[in-house]
ModelCIF file with pLDDT and N, C-alpha, C, O atoms, coordinates in Angstrom:
data_MODEL
#
_entry.id   MODEL 
#
_entity.id                         1 
_entity.type                       polymer 
_entity.pdbx_number_of_molecules   1 
#
_entity_poly.entity_id                      1 
_entity_poly.type                           'polypeptide(L)' 
_entity_poly.nstd_linkage                   no 
_entity_poly.nstd_monomer                   no 
_entity_poly.pdbx_seq_one_letter_code       
;(UNK)(UNK)(UNK)(UNK)(UNK)(UNK)(UNK)(UNK)(UNK)(UNK)(UNK)(UNK)(UNK)(UNK)(UNK)(UNK)
(UNK)(UNK)(UNK)(UNK)(UNK)(UNK)(UNK)(UNK)(UNK)(UNK)(UNK)(UNK)(UNK)(UNK)(UNK)(UNK)
(UNK)(UNK)(UNK)(UNK)(UNK)(UNK)(UNK)(UNK)(UNK)(UNK)(UNK)(UNK)(UNK)(UNK)(UNK)(UNK)
;
_entity_poly.pdbx_seq_one_letter_code_can   XXXXXXXXXXXXXXXXXXXXXXXXXXXXXXXXXXXXXXXXXXXXXXXX 
_entity_poly.pdbx_strand_id                 A 
#
loop_
_entity_poly_seq.entity_id 
_entity_poly_seq.num 
_entity_poly_seq.mon_id 
_entity_poly_seq.hetero 
1 1  UNK n 
1 2  UNK n 
1 3  UNK n 
1 4  UNK n 
1 5  UNK n 
1 6  UNK n 
1 7  UNK n 
1 8  UNK n 
1 9  UNK n 
1 10 UNK n 
1 11 UNK n 
1 12 UNK n 
1 13 UNK n 
1 14 UNK n 
1 15 UNK n 
1 16 UNK n 
1 17 UNK n 
1 18 UNK n 
1 19 UNK n 
1 20 UNK n 
1 21 UNK n 
1 22 UNK n 
1 23 UNK n 
1 24 UNK n 
1 25 UNK n 
1 26 UNK n 
1 27 UNK n 
1 28 UNK n 
1 29 UNK n 
1 30 UNK n 
1 31 UNK n 
1 32 UNK n 
1 33 UNK n 
1 34 UNK n 
1 35 UNK n 
1 36 UNK n 
1 37 UNK n 
1 38 UNK n 
1 39 UNK n 
1 40 UNK n 
1 41 UNK n 
1 42 UNK n 
1 43 UNK n 
1 44 UNK n 
1 45 UNK n 
1 46 UNK n 
1 47 UNK n 
1 48 UNK n 
#
_struct_asym.id          A 
_struct_asym.entity_id   1 
#
loop_
_ma_qa_metric.id 
_ma_qa_metric.mode 
_ma_qa_metric.name 
_ma_qa_metric.software_group_id 
_ma_qa_metric.type 
1 global pLDDT . pLDDT 
2 local  pLDDT . pLDDT 
#
_ma_qa_metric_global.metric_id      1 
_ma_qa_metric_global.metric_value   92.12 
_ma_qa_metric_global.model_id       1 
_ma_qa_metric_global.ordinal_id     1 
#
loop_
_ma_qa_metric_local.label_asym_id 
_ma_qa_metric_local.label_comp_id 
_ma_qa_metric_local.label_seq_id 
_ma_qa_metric_local.metric_id 
_ma_qa_metric_local.metric_value 
_ma_qa_metric_local.model_id 
_ma_qa_metric_local.ordinal_id 
A UNK 1  2 96.00 1 1  
A UNK 2  2 96.00 1 2  
A UNK 3  2 96.00 1 3  
A UNK 4  2 95.00 1 4  
A UNK 5  2 95.00 1 5  
A UNK 6  2 95.00 1 6  
A UNK 7  2 95.00 1 7  
A UNK 8  2 96.00 1 8  
A UNK 9  2 94.00 1 9  
A UNK 10 2 92.00 1 10 
A UNK 11 2 92.00 1 11 
A UNK 12 2 91.00 1 12 
A UNK 13 2 91.00 1 13 
A UNK 14 2 88.00 1 14 
A UNK 15 2 92.00 1 15 
A UNK 16 2 93.00 1 16 
A UNK 17 2 96.00 1 17 
A UNK 18 2 95.00 1 18 
A UNK 19 2 97.00 1 19 
A UNK 20 2 97.00 1 20 
A UNK 21 2 97.00 1 21 
A UNK 22 2 95.00 1 22 
A UNK 23 2 94.00 1 23 
A UNK 24 2 93.00 1 24 
A UNK 25 2 94.00 1 25 
A UNK 26 2 93.00 1 26 
A UNK 27 2 94.00 1 27 
A UNK 28 2 95.00 1 28 
A UNK 29 2 96.00 1 29 
A UNK 30 2 96.00 1 30 
A UNK 31 2 96.00 1 31 
A UNK 32 2 96.00 1 32 
A UNK 33 2 97.00 1 33 
A UNK 34 2 97.00 1 34 
A UNK 35 2 97.00 1 35 
A UNK 36 2 97.00 1 36 
A UNK 37 2 96.00 1 37 
A UNK 38 2 94.00 1 38 
A UNK 39 2 86.00 1 39 
A UNK 40 2 70.00 1 40 
A UNK 41 2 63.00 1 41 
A UNK 42 2 68.00 1 42 
A UNK 43 2 76.00 1 43 
A UNK 44 2 90.00 1 44 
A UNK 45 2 93.00 1 45 
A UNK 46 2 93.00 1 46 
A UNK 47 2 91.00 1 47 
A UNK 48 2 93.00 1 48 
#
loop_
_atom_site.group_PDB 
_atom_site.id 
_atom_site.type_symbol 
_atom_site.label_atom_id 
_atom_site.label_alt_id 
_atom_site.label_comp_id 
_atom_site.label_asym_id 
_atom_site.label_entity_id 
_atom_site.label_seq_id 
_atom_site.pdbx_PDB_ins_code 
_atom_site.Cartn_x 
_atom_site.Cartn_y 
_atom_site.Cartn_z 
_atom_site.occupancy 
_atom_site.B_iso_or_equiv 
_atom_site.pdbx_formal_charge 
_atom_site.auth_seq_id 
_atom_site.auth_comp_id 
_atom_site.auth_asym_id 
_atom_site.auth_atom_id 
_atom_site.pdbx_PDB_model_num 
ATOM 1   N N  . UNK A 1 1  ? -18.552 114.958 218.397 1.00 96.00 ? 1  UNK A N  1 
ATOM 2   C CA . UNK A 1 1  ? -17.547 114.735 217.351 1.00 96.00 ? 1  UNK A CA 1 
ATOM 3   C C  . UNK A 1 1  ? -18.202 114.311 216.044 1.00 96.00 ? 1  UNK A C  1 
ATOM 4   O O  . UNK A 1 1  ? -17.849 114.813 214.977 1.00 96.00 ? 1  UNK A O  1 
ATOM 5   N N  . UNK A 1 2  ? -19.166 113.377 216.127 1.00 96.00 ? 2  UNK A N  1 
ATOM 6   C CA . UNK A 1 2  ? -19.825 112.862 214.940 1.00 96.00 ? 2  UNK A CA 1 
ATOM 7   C C  . UNK A 1 2  ? -20.629 113.944 214.230 1.00 96.00 ? 2  UNK A C  1 
ATOM 8   O O  . UNK A 1 2  ? -20.589 114.037 213.003 1.00 96.00 ? 2  UNK A O  1 
ATOM 9   N N  . UNK A 1 3  ? -21.349 114.754 214.976 1.00 96.00 ? 3  UNK A N  1 
ATOM 10  C CA . UNK A 1 3  ? -22.241 115.759 214.405 1.00 96.00 ? 3  UNK A CA 1 
ATOM 11  C C  . UNK A 1 3  ? -21.520 117.033 213.982 1.00 96.00 ? 3  UNK A C  1 
ATOM 12  O O  . UNK A 1 3  ? -22.045 117.805 213.179 1.00 96.00 ? 3  UNK A O  1 
ATOM 13  N N  . UNK A 1 4  ? -20.340 117.255 214.507 1.00 95.00 ? 4  UNK A N  1 
ATOM 14  C CA . UNK A 1 4  ? -19.586 118.496 214.268 1.00 95.00 ? 4  UNK A CA 1 
ATOM 15  C C  . UNK A 1 4  ? -20.416 119.743 214.639 1.00 95.00 ? 4  UNK A C  1 
ATOM 16  O O  . UNK A 1 4  ? -20.291 120.794 214.009 1.00 95.00 ? 4  UNK A O  1 
ATOM 17  N N  . UNK A 1 5  ? -21.252 119.606 215.656 1.00 95.00 ? 5  UNK A N  1 
ATOM 18  C CA . UNK A 1 5  ? -22.027 120.731 216.152 1.00 95.00 ? 5  UNK A CA 1 
ATOM 19  C C  . UNK A 1 5  ? -23.281 121.010 215.374 1.00 95.00 ? 5  UNK A C  1 
ATOM 20  O O  . UNK A 1 5  ? -23.918 122.041 215.591 1.00 95.00 ? 5  UNK A O  1 
ATOM 21  N N  . UNK A 1 6  ? -23.665 120.117 214.459 1.00 95.00 ? 6  UNK A N  1 
ATOM 22  C CA . UNK A 1 6  ? -24.815 120.373 213.613 1.00 95.00 ? 6  UNK A CA 1 
ATOM 23  C C  . UNK A 1 6  ? -25.884 119.296 213.775 1.00 95.00 ? 6  UNK A C  1 
ATOM 24  O O  . UNK A 1 6  ? -25.603 118.188 214.231 1.00 95.00 ? 6  UNK A O  1 
ATOM 25  N N  . UNK A 1 7  ? -27.090 119.634 213.402 1.00 95.00 ? 7  UNK A N  1 
ATOM 26  C CA . UNK A 1 7  ? -28.204 118.674 213.377 1.00 95.00 ? 7  UNK A CA 1 
ATOM 27  C C  . UNK A 1 7  ? -27.828 117.530 212.438 1.00 95.00 ? 7  UNK A C  1 
ATOM 28  O O  . UNK A 1 7  ? -27.423 117.761 211.299 1.00 95.00 ? 7  UNK A O  1 
ATOM 29  N N  . UNK A 1 8  ? -27.963 116.324 212.912 1.00 96.00 ? 8  UNK A N  1 
ATOM 30  C CA . UNK A 1 8  ? -27.591 115.174 212.088 1.00 96.00 ? 8  UNK A CA 1 
ATOM 31  C C  . UNK A 1 8  ? -28.652 114.820 211.062 1.00 96.00 ? 8  UNK A C  1 
ATOM 32  O O  . UNK A 1 8  ? -28.428 113.958 210.213 1.00 96.00 ? 8  UNK A O  1 
ATOM 33  N N  . UNK A 1 9  ? -29.805 115.472 211.130 1.00 94.00 ? 9  UNK A N  1 
ATOM 34  C CA . UNK A 1 9  ? -30.826 115.254 210.130 1.00 94.00 ? 9  UNK A CA 1 
ATOM 35  C C  . UNK A 1 9  ? -30.730 116.257 209.000 1.00 94.00 ? 9  UNK A C  1 
ATOM 36  O O  . UNK A 1 9  ? -30.805 115.883 207.829 1.00 94.00 ? 9  UNK A O  1 
ATOM 37  N N  . UNK A 1 10 ? -30.560 117.555 209.341 1.00 92.00 ? 10 UNK A N  1 
ATOM 38  C CA . UNK A 1 10 ? -30.601 118.587 208.300 1.00 92.00 ? 10 UNK A CA 1 
ATOM 39  C C  . UNK A 1 10 ? -29.277 119.351 208.126 1.00 92.00 ? 10 UNK A C  1 
ATOM 40  O O  . UNK A 1 10 ? -29.058 119.968 207.083 1.00 92.00 ? 10 UNK A O  1 
ATOM 41  N N  . UNK A 1 11 ? -28.415 119.317 209.112 1.00 92.00 ? 11 UNK A N  1 
ATOM 42  C CA . UNK A 1 11 ? -27.134 120.019 209.003 1.00 92.00 ? 11 UNK A CA 1 
ATOM 43  C C  . UNK A 1 11 ? -27.111 121.414 209.552 1.00 92.00 ? 11 UNK A C  1 
ATOM 44  O O  . UNK A 1 11 ? -26.086 122.085 209.433 1.00 92.00 ? 11 UNK A O  1 
ATOM 45  N N  . UNK A 1 12 ? -28.213 121.908 210.166 1.00 91.00 ? 12 UNK A N  1 
ATOM 46  C CA . UNK A 1 12 ? -28.208 123.247 210.780 1.00 91.00 ? 12 UNK A CA 1 
ATOM 47  C C  . UNK A 1 12 ? -27.322 123.234 212.024 1.00 91.00 ? 12 UNK A C  1 
ATOM 48  O O  . UNK A 1 12 ? -27.185 122.217 212.703 1.00 91.00 ? 12 UNK A O  1 
ATOM 49  N N  . UNK A 1 13 ? -26.723 124.402 212.301 1.00 91.00 ? 13 UNK A N  1 
ATOM 50  C CA . UNK A 1 13 ? -25.873 124.516 213.500 1.00 91.00 ? 13 UNK A CA 1 
ATOM 51  C C  . UNK A 1 13 ? -26.702 124.467 214.769 1.00 91.00 ? 13 UNK A C  1 
ATOM 52  O O  . UNK A 1 13 ? -27.842 124.931 214.792 1.00 91.00 ? 13 UNK A O  1 
ATOM 53  N N  . UNK A 1 14 ? -26.136 123.910 215.816 1.00 88.00 ? 14 UNK A N  1 
ATOM 54  C CA . UNK A 1 14 ? -26.763 123.817 217.105 1.00 88.00 ? 14 UNK A CA 1 
ATOM 55  C C  . UNK A 1 14 ? -27.655 122.608 217.206 1.00 88.00 ? 14 UNK A C  1 
ATOM 56  O O  . UNK A 1 14 ? -28.320 122.235 216.240 1.00 88.00 ? 14 UNK A O  1 
ATOM 57  N N  . UNK A 1 15 ? -27.673 121.991 218.376 1.00 92.00 ? 15 UNK A N  1 
ATOM 58  C CA . UNK A 1 15 ? -28.460 120.781 218.516 1.00 92.00 ? 15 UNK A CA 1 
ATOM 59  C C  . UNK A 1 15 ? -28.773 120.471 219.968 1.00 92.00 ? 15 UNK A C  1 
ATOM 60  O O  . UNK A 1 15 ? -28.188 121.036 220.892 1.00 92.00 ? 15 UNK A O  1 
ATOM 61  N N  . UNK A 1 16 ? -29.728 119.541 220.141 1.00 93.00 ? 16 UNK A N  1 
ATOM 62  C CA . UNK A 1 16 ? -30.008 118.896 221.413 1.00 93.00 ? 16 UNK A CA 1 
ATOM 63  C C  . UNK A 1 16 ? -29.914 117.392 221.141 1.00 93.00 ? 16 UNK A C  1 
ATOM 64  O O  . UNK A 1 16 ? -29.985 116.957 219.992 1.00 93.00 ? 16 UNK A O  1 
ATOM 65  N N  . UNK A 1 17 ? -29.759 116.625 222.181 1.00 96.00 ? 17 UNK A N  1 
ATOM 66  C CA . UNK A 1 17 ? -29.659 115.170 222.028 1.00 96.00 ? 17 UNK A CA 1 
ATOM 67  C C  . UNK A 1 17 ? -31.053 114.562 222.042 1.00 96.00 ? 17 UNK A C  1 
ATOM 68  O O  . UNK A 1 17 ? -31.876 114.862 222.907 1.00 96.00 ? 17 UNK A O  1 
ATOM 69  N N  . UNK A 1 18 ? -31.294 113.704 221.067 1.00 95.00 ? 18 UNK A N  1 
ATOM 70  C CA . UNK A 1 18 ? -32.578 112.979 220.969 1.00 95.00 ? 18 UNK A CA 1 
ATOM 71  C C  . UNK A 1 18 ? -32.312 111.477 221.071 1.00 95.00 ? 18 UNK A C  1 
ATOM 72  O O  . UNK A 1 18 ? -31.398 110.960 220.429 1.00 95.00 ? 18 UNK A O  1 
ATOM 73  N N  . UNK A 1 19 ? -33.100 110.790 221.866 1.00 97.00 ? 19 UNK A N  1 
ATOM 74  C CA . UNK A 1 19 ? -33.035 109.334 221.993 1.00 97.00 ? 19 UNK A CA 1 
ATOM 75  C C  . UNK A 1 19 ? -33.977 108.728 220.962 1.00 97.00 ? 19 UNK A C  1 
ATOM 76  O O  . UNK A 1 19 ? -35.173 109.018 220.977 1.00 97.00 ? 19 UNK A O  1 
ATOM 77  N N  . UNK A 1 20 ? -33.458 107.892 220.066 1.00 97.00 ? 20 UNK A N  1 
ATOM 78  C CA . UNK A 1 20 ? -34.301 107.278 219.031 1.00 97.00 ? 20 UNK A CA 1 
ATOM 79  C C  . UNK A 1 20 ? -35.301 106.333 219.698 1.00 97.00 ? 20 UNK A C  1 
ATOM 80  O O  . UNK A 1 20 ? -36.482 106.362 219.351 1.00 97.00 ? 20 UNK A O  1 
ATOM 81  N N  . UNK A 1 21 ? -34.869 105.504 220.637 1.00 97.00 ? 21 UNK A N  1 
ATOM 82  C CA . UNK A 1 21 ? -35.793 104.782 221.511 1.00 97.00 ? 21 UNK A CA 1 
ATOM 83  C C  . UNK A 1 21 ? -35.850 105.635 222.785 1.00 97.00 ? 21 UNK A C  1 
ATOM 84  O O  . UNK A 1 21 ? -34.837 105.846 223.452 1.00 97.00 ? 21 UNK A O  1 
ATOM 85  N N  . UNK A 1 22 ? -37.040 106.113 223.101 1.00 95.00 ? 22 UNK A N  1 
ATOM 86  C CA . UNK A 1 22 ? -37.167 107.008 224.242 1.00 95.00 ? 22 UNK A CA 1 
ATOM 87  C C  . UNK A 1 22 ? -36.651 106.360 225.531 1.00 95.00 ? 22 UNK A C  1 
ATOM 88  O O  . UNK A 1 22 ? -36.762 105.149 225.720 1.00 95.00 ? 22 UNK A O  1 
ATOM 89  N N  . UNK A 1 23 ? -36.080 107.197 226.420 1.00 94.00 ? 23 UNK A N  1 
ATOM 90  C CA . UNK A 1 23 ? -35.604 106.689 227.681 1.00 94.00 ? 23 UNK A CA 1 
ATOM 91  C C  . UNK A 1 23 ? -36.737 106.063 228.486 1.00 94.00 ? 23 UNK A C  1 
ATOM 92  O O  . UNK A 1 23 ? -36.525 105.068 229.179 1.00 94.00 ? 23 UNK A O  1 
ATOM 93  N N  . UNK A 1 24 ? -37.930 106.631 228.402 1.00 93.00 ? 24 UNK A N  1 
ATOM 94  C CA . UNK A 1 24 ? -39.060 106.090 229.159 1.00 93.00 ? 24 UNK A CA 1 
ATOM 95  C C  . UNK A 1 24 ? -39.500 104.727 228.624 1.00 93.00 ? 24 UNK A C  1 
ATOM 96  O O  . UNK A 1 24 ? -40.274 104.017 229.265 1.00 93.00 ? 24 UNK A O  1 
ATOM 97  N N  . UNK A 1 25 ? -38.996 104.373 227.440 1.00 94.00 ? 25 UNK A N  1 
ATOM 98  C CA . UNK A 1 25 ? -39.308 103.072 226.850 1.00 94.00 ? 25 UNK A CA 1 
ATOM 99  C C  . UNK A 1 25 ? -38.096 102.141 226.831 1.00 94.00 ? 25 UNK A C  1 
ATOM 100 O O  . UNK A 1 25 ? -38.076 101.152 226.099 1.00 94.00 ? 25 UNK A O  1 
ATOM 101 N N  . UNK A 1 26 ? -37.094 102.463 227.637 1.00 93.00 ? 26 UNK A N  1 
ATOM 102 C CA . UNK A 1 26 ? -35.905 101.631 227.749 1.00 93.00 ? 26 UNK A CA 1 
ATOM 103 C C  . UNK A 1 26 ? -34.740 102.050 226.923 1.00 93.00 ? 26 UNK A C  1 
ATOM 104 O O  . UNK A 1 26 ? -33.724 101.355 226.915 1.00 93.00 ? 26 UNK A O  1 
ATOM 105 N N  . UNK A 1 27 ? -34.829 103.176 226.211 1.00 94.00 ? 27 UNK A N  1 
ATOM 106 C CA . UNK A 1 27 ? -33.717 103.665 225.402 1.00 94.00 ? 27 UNK A CA 1 
ATOM 107 C C  . UNK A 1 27 ? -32.543 104.101 226.271 1.00 94.00 ? 27 UNK A C  1 
ATOM 108 O O  . UNK A 1 27 ? -32.731 104.686 227.337 1.00 94.00 ? 27 UNK A O  1 
ATOM 109 N N  . UNK A 1 28 ? -31.340 103.812 225.808 1.00 95.00 ? 28 UNK A N  1 
ATOM 110 C CA . UNK A 1 28 ? -30.147 104.082 226.576 1.00 95.00 ? 28 UNK A CA 1 
ATOM 111 C C  . UNK A 1 28 ? -29.309 105.195 225.960 1.00 95.00 ? 28 UNK A C  1 
ATOM 112 O O  . UNK A 1 28 ? -29.495 105.571 224.803 1.00 95.00 ? 28 UNK A O  1 
ATOM 113 N N  . UNK A 1 29 ? -28.400 105.703 226.749 1.00 96.00 ? 29 UNK A N  1 
ATOM 114 C CA . UNK A 1 29 ? -27.408 106.665 226.260 1.00 96.00 ? 29 UNK A CA 1 
ATOM 115 C C  . UNK A 1 29 ? -26.376 105.890 225.472 1.00 96.00 ? 29 UNK A C  1 
ATOM 116 O O  . UNK A 1 29 ? -25.513 105.241 226.061 1.00 96.00 ? 29 UNK A O  1 
ATOM 117 N N  . UNK A 1 30 ? -26.446 105.943 224.159 1.00 96.00 ? 30 UNK A N  1 
ATOM 118 C CA . UNK A 1 30 ? -25.424 105.309 223.296 1.00 96.00 ? 30 UNK A CA 1 
ATOM 119 C C  . UNK A 1 30 ? -25.418 106.047 221.954 1.00 96.00 ? 30 UNK A C  1 
ATOM 120 O O  . UNK A 1 30 ? -26.452 106.570 221.539 1.00 96.00 ? 30 UNK A O  1 
ATOM 121 N N  . UNK A 1 31 ? -24.265 106.099 221.270 1.00 96.00 ? 31 UNK A N  1 
ATOM 122 C CA . UNK A 1 31 ? -24.209 106.761 219.988 1.00 96.00 ? 31 UNK A CA 1 
ATOM 123 C C  . UNK A 1 31 ? -25.078 106.124 218.903 1.00 96.00 ? 31 UNK A C  1 
ATOM 124 O O  . UNK A 1 31 ? -25.357 106.762 217.887 1.00 96.00 ? 31 UNK A O  1 
ATOM 125 N N  . UNK A 1 32 ? -25.510 104.874 219.104 1.00 96.00 ? 32 UNK A N  1 
ATOM 126 C CA . UNK A 1 32 ? -26.441 104.240 218.155 1.00 96.00 ? 32 UNK A CA 1 
ATOM 127 C C  . UNK A 1 32 ? -27.848 104.713 218.413 1.00 96.00 ? 32 UNK A C  1 
ATOM 128 O O  . UNK A 1 32 ? -28.617 104.890 217.469 1.00 96.00 ? 32 UNK A O  1 
ATOM 129 N N  . UNK A 1 33 ? -28.211 104.924 219.671 1.00 97.00 ? 33 UNK A N  1 
ATOM 130 C CA . UNK A 1 33 ? -29.556 105.291 220.040 1.00 97.00 ? 33 UNK A CA 1 
ATOM 131 C C  . UNK A 1 33 ? -29.784 106.816 220.070 1.00 97.00 ? 33 UNK A C  1 
ATOM 132 O O  . UNK A 1 33 ? -30.932 107.257 220.019 1.00 97.00 ? 33 UNK A O  1 
ATOM 133 N N  . UNK A 1 34 ? -28.754 107.596 220.150 1.00 97.00 ? 34 UNK A N  1 
ATOM 134 C CA . UNK A 1 34 ? -28.885 109.036 220.276 1.00 97.00 ? 34 UNK A CA 1 
ATOM 135 C C  . UNK A 1 34 ? -28.393 109.756 219.021 1.00 97.00 ? 34 UNK A C  1 
ATOM 136 O O  . UNK A 1 34 ? -27.428 109.338 218.381 1.00 97.00 ? 34 UNK A O  1 
ATOM 137 N N  . UNK A 1 35 ? -29.081 110.848 218.688 1.00 97.00 ? 35 UNK A N  1 
ATOM 138 C CA . UNK A 1 35 ? -28.680 111.693 217.554 1.00 97.00 ? 35 UNK A CA 1 
ATOM 139 C C  . UNK A 1 35 ? -28.790 113.141 217.977 1.00 97.00 ? 35 UNK A C  1 
ATOM 140 O O  . UNK A 1 35 ? -29.536 113.483 218.894 1.00 97.00 ? 35 UNK A O  1 
ATOM 141 N N  . UNK A 1 36 ? -28.037 113.985 217.298 1.00 97.00 ? 36 UNK A N  1 
ATOM 142 C CA . UNK A 1 36 ? -28.098 115.429 217.507 1.00 97.00 ? 36 UNK A CA 1 
ATOM 143 C C  . UNK A 1 36 ? -29.115 115.995 216.540 1.00 97.00 ? 36 UNK A C  1 
ATOM 144 O O  . UNK A 1 36 ? -28.998 115.830 215.326 1.00 97.00 ? 36 UNK A O  1 
ATOM 145 N N  . UNK A 1 37 ? -30.127 116.673 217.097 1.00 96.00 ? 37 UNK A N  1 
ATOM 146 C CA . UNK A 1 37 ? -31.192 117.270 216.271 1.00 96.00 ? 37 UNK A CA 1 
ATOM 147 C C  . UNK A 1 37 ? -31.339 118.744 216.629 1.00 96.00 ? 37 UNK A C  1 
ATOM 148 O O  . UNK A 1 37 ? -31.200 119.130 217.789 1.00 96.00 ? 37 UNK A O  1 
ATOM 149 N N  . UNK A 1 38 ? -31.621 119.556 215.623 1.00 94.00 ? 38 UNK A N  1 
ATOM 150 C CA . UNK A 1 38 ? -31.835 120.993 215.868 1.00 94.00 ? 38 UNK A CA 1 
ATOM 151 C C  . UNK A 1 38 ? -33.119 121.198 216.636 1.00 94.00 ? 38 UNK A C  1 
ATOM 152 O O  . UNK A 1 38 ? -34.041 120.388 216.549 1.00 94.00 ? 38 UNK A O  1 
ATOM 153 N N  . UNK A 1 39 ? -33.179 122.280 217.387 1.00 86.00 ? 39 UNK A N  1 
ATOM 154 C CA . UNK A 1 39 ? -34.383 122.664 218.092 1.00 86.00 ? 39 UNK A CA 1 
ATOM 155 C C  . UNK A 1 39 ? -34.598 121.940 219.387 1.00 86.00 ? 39 UNK A C  1 
ATOM 156 O O  . UNK A 1 39 ? -33.796 121.089 219.773 1.00 86.00 ? 39 UNK A O  1 
ATOM 157 N N  . UNK A 1 40 ? -35.667 122.265 220.055 1.00 70.00 ? 40 UNK A N  1 
ATOM 158 C CA . UNK A 1 40 ? -36.094 121.599 221.277 1.00 70.00 ? 40 UNK A CA 1 
ATOM 159 C C  . UNK A 1 40 ? -37.559 121.907 221.499 1.00 70.00 ? 40 UNK A C  1 
ATOM 160 O O  . UNK A 1 40 ? -38.113 122.779 220.830 1.00 70.00 ? 40 UNK A O  1 
ATOM 161 N N  . UNK A 1 41 ? -38.186 121.223 222.407 1.00 63.00 ? 41 UNK A N  1 
ATOM 162 C CA . UNK A 1 41 ? -39.595 121.461 222.667 1.00 63.00 ? 41 UNK A CA 1 
ATOM 163 C C  . UNK A 1 41 ? -40.450 121.250 221.410 1.00 63.00 ? 41 UNK A C  1 
ATOM 164 O O  . UNK A 1 41 ? -40.557 120.127 220.917 1.00 63.00 ? 41 UNK A O  1 
ATOM 165 N N  . UNK A 1 42 ? -41.042 122.299 220.904 1.00 68.00 ? 42 UNK A N  1 
ATOM 166 C CA . UNK A 1 42 ? -41.882 122.172 219.699 1.00 68.00 ? 42 UNK A CA 1 
ATOM 167 C C  . UNK A 1 42 ? -41.216 122.712 218.461 1.00 68.00 ? 42 UNK A C  1 
ATOM 168 O O  . UNK A 1 42 ? -41.851 122.801 217.411 1.00 68.00 ? 42 UNK A O  1 
ATOM 169 N N  . UNK A 1 43 ? -39.942 123.076 218.556 1.00 76.00 ? 43 UNK A N  1 
ATOM 170 C CA . UNK A 1 43 ? -39.277 123.674 217.396 1.00 76.00 ? 43 UNK A CA 1 
ATOM 171 C C  . UNK A 1 43 ? -38.272 122.705 216.758 1.00 76.00 ? 43 UNK A C  1 
ATOM 172 O O  . UNK A 1 43 ? -37.870 121.723 217.382 1.00 76.00 ? 43 UNK A O  1 
ATOM 173 N N  . UNK A 1 44 ? -37.880 122.981 215.548 1.00 90.00 ? 44 UNK A N  1 
ATOM 174 C CA . UNK A 1 44 ? -36.845 122.226 214.858 1.00 90.00 ? 44 UNK A CA 1 
ATOM 175 C C  . UNK A 1 44 ? -37.168 120.766 214.676 1.00 90.00 ? 44 UNK A C  1 
ATOM 176 O O  . UNK A 1 44 ? -38.305 120.345 214.884 1.00 90.00 ? 44 UNK A O  1 
ATOM 177 N N  . UNK A 1 45 ? -36.187 119.999 214.293 1.00 93.00 ? 45 UNK A N  1 
ATOM 178 C CA . UNK A 1 45 ? -36.387 118.586 214.057 1.00 93.00 ? 45 UNK A CA 1 
ATOM 179 C C  . UNK A 1 45 ? -36.617 117.798 215.339 1.00 93.00 ? 45 UNK A C  1 
ATOM 180 O O  . UNK A 1 45 ? -37.322 116.789 215.316 1.00 93.00 ? 45 UNK A O  1 
ATOM 181 N N  . UNK A 1 46 ? -36.043 118.229 216.447 1.00 93.00 ? 46 UNK A N  1 
ATOM 182 C CA . UNK A 1 46 ? -36.306 117.549 217.719 1.00 93.00 ? 46 UNK A CA 1 
ATOM 183 C C  . UNK A 1 46 ? -37.798 117.639 218.064 1.00 93.00 ? 46 UNK A C  1 
ATOM 184 O O  . UNK A 1 46 ? -38.410 116.642 218.449 1.00 93.00 ? 46 UNK A O  1 
ATOM 185 N N  . UNK A 1 47 ? -38.360 118.795 217.929 1.00 91.00 ? 47 UNK A N  1 
ATOM 186 C CA . UNK A 1 47 ? -39.815 118.960 218.171 1.00 91.00 ? 47 UNK A CA 1 
ATOM 187 C C  . UNK A 1 47 ? -40.662 118.204 217.174 1.00 91.00 ? 47 UNK A C  1 
ATOM 188 O O  . UNK A 1 47 ? -41.692 117.635 217.534 1.00 91.00 ? 47 UNK A O  1 
ATOM 189 N N  . UNK A 1 48 ? -40.231 118.194 215.906 1.00 93.00 ? 48 UNK A N  1 
ATOM 190 C CA . UNK A 1 48 ? -40.957 117.453 214.872 1.00 93.00 ? 48 UNK A CA 1 
ATOM 191 C C  . UNK A 1 48 ? -41.014 115.964 215.216 1.00 93.00 ? 48 UNK A C  1 
ATOM 192 O O  . UNK A 1 48 ? -41.586 115.178 214.461 1.00 93.00 ? 48 UNK A O  1 
#
């Protein structure tokens, strides 16, 4: 709902969920800790 289907960093359509504090470092599933970012793996803002 917050992202309206777009990357919350650049506004491109389509996204994956990124944990600002990584889950492996104790980051949790919460709207404060998670953002929608374009791309995945090595592409887009998520990869960056």
